[in-house]
Protein backbone atom coordinates (compact mmCIF):
# COMPACT_ATOMS: atom_id res chain seq x y z
CA UNK A 1 0.00 0.00 0.00
CA UNK A 2 1.18 3.49 -0.77
CA UNK A 3 2.65 5.29 2.30
CA UNK A 4 0.82 8.53 1.46
CA UNK A 5 -2.56 6.77 1.38
CA UNK A 6 -1.75 5.13 4.70
CA UNK A 7 -0.89 8.51 6.27
CA UNK A 8 -4.13 10.03 4.95
CA UNK A 9 -6.12 7.09 6.34
CA UNK A 10 -4.43 7.50 9.73
CA UNK A 11 -5.15 11.23 9.73
CA UNK A 12 -8.79 10.57 8.80
CA UNK A 13 -9.07 8.01 11.60
CA UNK A 14 -7.64 10.47 14.12
CA UNK A 15 -10.01 13.19 12.87
CA UNK A 16 -13.05 10.90 13.16
CA UNK A 17 -11.99 9.77 16.65
CA UNK A 18 -11.54 13.40 17.76
CA UNK A 19 -14.96 14.38 16.42
CA UNK A 20 -16.55 11.34 18.08
CA UNK A 21 -14.91 12.21 21.40
CA UNK A 22 -16.10 15.79 21.08
CA UNK A 23 -19.65 14.61 20.36
CA UNK A 24 -19.63 12.31 23.41
CA UNK A 25 -18.30 15.12 25.62
CA UNK A 26 -21.01 17.48 24.36
CA UNK A 27 -23.75 14.91 25.04
CA UNK A 28 -22.45 14.30 28.57
CA UNK A 29 -22.19 18.04 29.25
CA UNK A 30 -25.72 18.61 27.99
CA UNK A 31 -27.11 15.83 30.17
CA UNK A 32 -25.28 17.08 33.26
CA UNK A 33 -26.46 20.61 32.55
CA UNK A 34 -30.09 19.47 32.34
CA UNK A 35 -29.84 17.51 35.57
CA UNK A 36 -28.27 20.46 37.39
CA UNK A 37 -30.83 22.93 36.05
CA UNK A 38 -33.65 20.62 37.07
CA UNK A 39 -32.33 20.29 40.65
CA UNK A 40 -31.19 23.89 41.23
CA UNK A 41 -34.69 25.45 41.57
CA UNK A 42 -35.52 22.90 44.28
CA UNK A 43 -32.37 23.78 46.18
CA UNK A 44 -33.03 27.50 45.76
CA UNK A 45 -36.61 27.10 46.93
CA UNK A 46 -35.37 25.34 50.06
CA UNK A 47 -32.90 28.15 50.79
CA UNK A 48 -35.38 30.96 50.09
CA UNK A 49 -37.02 31.15 53.57
CA UNK A 50 -33.63 31.10 55.29
CA UNK A 51 -32.33 33.85 53.03
CA UNK A 52 -35.49 35.91 53.56
CA UNK A 53 -35.08 35.68 57.32
CA UNK A 54 -31.43 36.65 57.14
CA UNK A 55 -32.22 39.58 54.87
CA UNK A 56 -34.99 40.75 57.20
CA UNK A 57 -32.62 40.64 60.20
CA UNK A 58 -30.01 42.54 58.22
CA UNK A 59 -32.54 45.23 57.30
CA UNK A 60 -33.56 45.57 60.95
CA UNK A 61 -29.93 45.88 62.00
CA UNK A 62 -29.26 48.57 59.39
CA UNK A 63 -32.35 50.49 60.54
CA UNK A 64 -31.19 50.31 64.16
CA UNK A 65 -27.71 51.52 63.20
CA UNK A 66 -29.18 54.40 61.19
CA UNK A 67 -31.29 55.43 64.19
CA UNK A 68 -28.26 55.38 66.50
CA UNK A 69 -26.17 57.39 64.03
CA UNK A 70 -28.95 59.99 63.85
CA UNK A 71 -29.01 60.21 67.65
CA UNK A 72 -25.24 60.64 67.76
CA UNK A 73 -25.29 63.39 65.16
CA UNK A 74 -28.12 65.18 67.00
CA UNK A 75 -26.11 64.95 70.21
CA UNK A 76 -23.06 66.41 68.48
CA UNK A 77 -25.11 69.30 67.12
CA UNK A 78 -26.50 69.99 70.60
CA UNK A 79 -23.05 69.91 72.21
CA UNK A 80 -21.62 72.13 69.48
CA UNK A 81 -24.42 74.63 70.07
CA UNK A 82 -23.78 74.59 73.83
CA UNK A 83 -20.06 75.14 73.32
CA UNK A 84 -20.70 77.97 70.86
CA UNK A 85 -23.14 79.63 73.28
CA UNK A 86 -20.67 79.17 76.11
CA UNK A 87 -17.84 80.76 74.14
CA UNK A 88 -20.10 83.69 73.24
CA UNK A 89 -21.02 84.12 76.93
CA UNK A 90 -17.34 84.02 77.87
CA UNK A 91 -16.53 86.60 75.22
CA UNK A 92 -19.28 88.93 76.53
CA UNK A 93 -18.11 88.57 80.12
CA UNK A 94 -14.48 89.09 79.17
CA UNK A 95 -15.16 92.42 77.46
C-alpha atoms as a PDB file:
ATOM      1  CA  UNK A   1       0.000   0.000   0.000  1.00  0.00           C
ATOM      2  CA  UNK A   2       1.178   3.492  -0.774  1.00  0.00           C
ATOM      3  CA  UNK A   3       2.646   5.288   2.297  1.00  0.00           C
ATOM      4  CA  UNK A   4       0.819   8.528   1.457  1.00  0.00           C
ATOM      5  CA  UNK A   5      -2.555   6.768   1.383  1.00  0.00           C
ATOM      6  CA  UNK A   6      -1.746   5.131   4.703  1.00  0.00           C
ATOM      7  CA  UNK A   7      -0.892   8.511   6.273  1.00  0.00           C
ATOM      8  CA  UNK A   8      -4.134  10.028   4.945  1.00  0.00           C
ATOM      9  CA  UNK A   9      -6.120   7.089   6.335  1.00  0.00           C
ATOM     10  CA  UNK A  10      -4.429   7.498   9.727  1.00  0.00           C
ATOM     11  CA  UNK A  11      -5.152  11.233   9.735  1.00  0.00           C
ATOM     12  CA  UNK A  12      -8.787  10.574   8.801  1.00  0.00           C
ATOM     13  CA  UNK A  13      -9.065   8.014  11.602  1.00  0.00           C
ATOM     14  CA  UNK A  14      -7.635  10.473  14.117  1.00  0.00           C
ATOM     15  CA  UNK A  15     -10.009  13.188  12.867  1.00  0.00           C
ATOM     16  CA  UNK A  16     -13.054  10.902  13.159  1.00  0.00           C
ATOM     17  CA  UNK A  17     -11.987   9.774  16.653  1.00  0.00           C
ATOM     18  CA  UNK A  18     -11.539  13.403  17.760  1.00  0.00           C
ATOM     19  CA  UNK A  19     -14.964  14.385  16.425  1.00  0.00           C
ATOM     20  CA  UNK A  20     -16.546  11.342  18.082  1.00  0.00           C
ATOM     21  CA  UNK A  21     -14.915  12.215  21.402  1.00  0.00           C
ATOM     22  CA  UNK A  22     -16.102  15.792  21.085  1.00  0.00           C
ATOM     23  CA  UNK A  23     -19.649  14.608  20.365  1.00  0.00           C
ATOM     24  CA  UNK A  24     -19.629  12.309  23.413  1.00  0.00           C
ATOM     25  CA  UNK A  25     -18.300  15.121  25.618  1.00  0.00           C
ATOM     26  CA  UNK A  26     -21.014  17.480  24.359  1.00  0.00           C
ATOM     27  CA  UNK A  27     -23.754  14.913  25.039  1.00  0.00           C
ATOM     28  CA  UNK A  28     -22.454  14.300  28.565  1.00  0.00           C
ATOM     29  CA  UNK A  29     -22.192  18.045  29.251  1.00  0.00           C
ATOM     30  CA  UNK A  30     -25.722  18.612  27.990  1.00  0.00           C
ATOM     31  CA  UNK A  31     -27.105  15.825  30.175  1.00  0.00           C
ATOM     32  CA  UNK A  32     -25.281  17.083  33.265  1.00  0.00           C
ATOM     33  CA  UNK A  33     -26.465  20.612  32.550  1.00  0.00           C
ATOM     34  CA  UNK A  34     -30.092  19.467  32.339  1.00  0.00           C
ATOM     35  CA  UNK A  35     -29.841  17.513  35.573  1.00  0.00           C
ATOM     36  CA  UNK A  36     -28.266  20.459  37.389  1.00  0.00           C
ATOM     37  CA  UNK A  37     -30.835  22.926  36.046  1.00  0.00           C
ATOM     38  CA  UNK A  38     -33.645  20.615  37.070  1.00  0.00           C
ATOM     39  CA  UNK A  39     -32.333  20.289  40.650  1.00  0.00           C
ATOM     40  CA  UNK A  40     -31.190  23.894  41.231  1.00  0.00           C
ATOM     41  CA  UNK A  41     -34.690  25.453  41.569  1.00  0.00           C
ATOM     42  CA  UNK A  42     -35.520  22.901  44.280  1.00  0.00           C
ATOM     43  CA  UNK A  43     -32.369  23.785  46.185  1.00  0.00           C
ATOM     44  CA  UNK A  44     -33.026  27.499  45.758  1.00  0.00           C
ATOM     45  CA  UNK A  45     -36.608  27.099  46.933  1.00  0.00           C
ATOM     46  CA  UNK A  46     -35.366  25.337  50.058  1.00  0.00           C
ATOM     47  CA  UNK A  47     -32.903  28.151  50.787  1.00  0.00           C
ATOM     48  CA  UNK A  48     -35.375  30.960  50.093  1.00  0.00           C
ATOM     49  CA  UNK A  49     -37.021  31.151  53.567  1.00  0.00           C
ATOM     50  CA  UNK A  50     -33.633  31.104  55.292  1.00  0.00           C
ATOM     51  CA  UNK A  51     -32.328  33.852  53.030  1.00  0.00           C
ATOM     52  CA  UNK A  52     -35.493  35.905  53.557  1.00  0.00           C
ATOM     53  CA  UNK A  53     -35.083  35.679  57.323  1.00  0.00           C
ATOM     54  CA  UNK A  54     -31.428  36.655  57.144  1.00  0.00           C
ATOM     55  CA  UNK A  55     -32.220  39.575  54.866  1.00  0.00           C
ATOM     56  CA  UNK A  56     -34.987  40.751  57.202  1.00  0.00           C
ATOM     57  CA  UNK A  57     -32.624  40.637  60.204  1.00  0.00           C
ATOM     58  CA  UNK A  58     -30.010  42.535  58.216  1.00  0.00           C
ATOM     59  CA  UNK A  59     -32.536  45.233  57.299  1.00  0.00           C
ATOM     60  CA  UNK A  60     -33.563  45.575  60.948  1.00  0.00           C
ATOM     61  CA  UNK A  61     -29.932  45.882  62.002  1.00  0.00           C
ATOM     62  CA  UNK A  62     -29.263  48.565  59.391  1.00  0.00           C
ATOM     63  CA  UNK A  63     -32.351  50.494  60.539  1.00  0.00           C
ATOM     64  CA  UNK A  64     -31.189  50.311  64.164  1.00  0.00           C
ATOM     65  CA  UNK A  65     -27.710  51.525  63.204  1.00  0.00           C
ATOM     66  CA  UNK A  66     -29.182  54.400  61.187  1.00  0.00           C
ATOM     67  CA  UNK A  67     -31.289  55.435  64.188  1.00  0.00           C
ATOM     68  CA  UNK A  68     -28.264  55.378  66.498  1.00  0.00           C
ATOM     69  CA  UNK A  69     -26.170  57.395  64.030  1.00  0.00           C
ATOM     70  CA  UNK A  70     -28.949  59.995  63.849  1.00  0.00           C
ATOM     71  CA  UNK A  71     -29.015  60.210  67.653  1.00  0.00           C
ATOM     72  CA  UNK A  72     -25.237  60.639  67.762  1.00  0.00           C
ATOM     73  CA  UNK A  73     -25.293  63.395  65.156  1.00  0.00           C
ATOM     74  CA  UNK A  74     -28.117  65.175  66.999  1.00  0.00           C
ATOM     75  CA  UNK A  75     -26.106  64.950  70.209  1.00  0.00           C
ATOM     76  CA  UNK A  76     -23.059  66.407  68.475  1.00  0.00           C
ATOM     77  CA  UNK A  77     -25.112  69.296  67.118  1.00  0.00           C
ATOM     78  CA  UNK A  78     -26.499  69.992  70.598  1.00  0.00           C
ATOM     79  CA  UNK A  79     -23.046  69.913  72.214  1.00  0.00           C
ATOM     80  CA  UNK A  80     -21.620  72.134  69.478  1.00  0.00           C
ATOM     81  CA  UNK A  81     -24.420  74.632  70.071  1.00  0.00           C
ATOM     82  CA  UNK A  82     -23.782  74.588  73.829  1.00  0.00           C
ATOM     83  CA  UNK A  83     -20.064  75.142  73.324  1.00  0.00           C
ATOM     84  CA  UNK A  84     -20.705  77.967  70.856  1.00  0.00           C
ATOM     85  CA  UNK A  85     -23.137  79.633  73.279  1.00  0.00           C
ATOM     86  CA  UNK A  86     -20.672  79.169  76.105  1.00  0.00           C
ATOM     87  CA  UNK A  87     -17.838  80.761  74.143  1.00  0.00           C
ATOM     88  CA  UNK A  88     -20.100  83.695  73.239  1.00  0.00           C
ATOM     89  CA  UNK A  89     -21.019  84.122  76.928  1.00  0.00           C
ATOM     90  CA  UNK A  90     -17.337  84.017  77.870  1.00  0.00           C
ATOM     91  CA  UNK A  91     -16.534  86.603  75.222  1.00  0.00           C
ATOM     92  CA  UNK A  92     -19.276  88.934  76.531  1.00  0.00           C
ATOM     93  CA  UNK A  93     -18.112  88.573  80.122  1.00  0.00           C
ATOM     94  CA  UNK A  94     -14.482  89.094  79.168  1.00  0.00           C
ATOM     95  CA  UNK A  95     -15.156  92.418  77.457  1.00  0.00           C
END
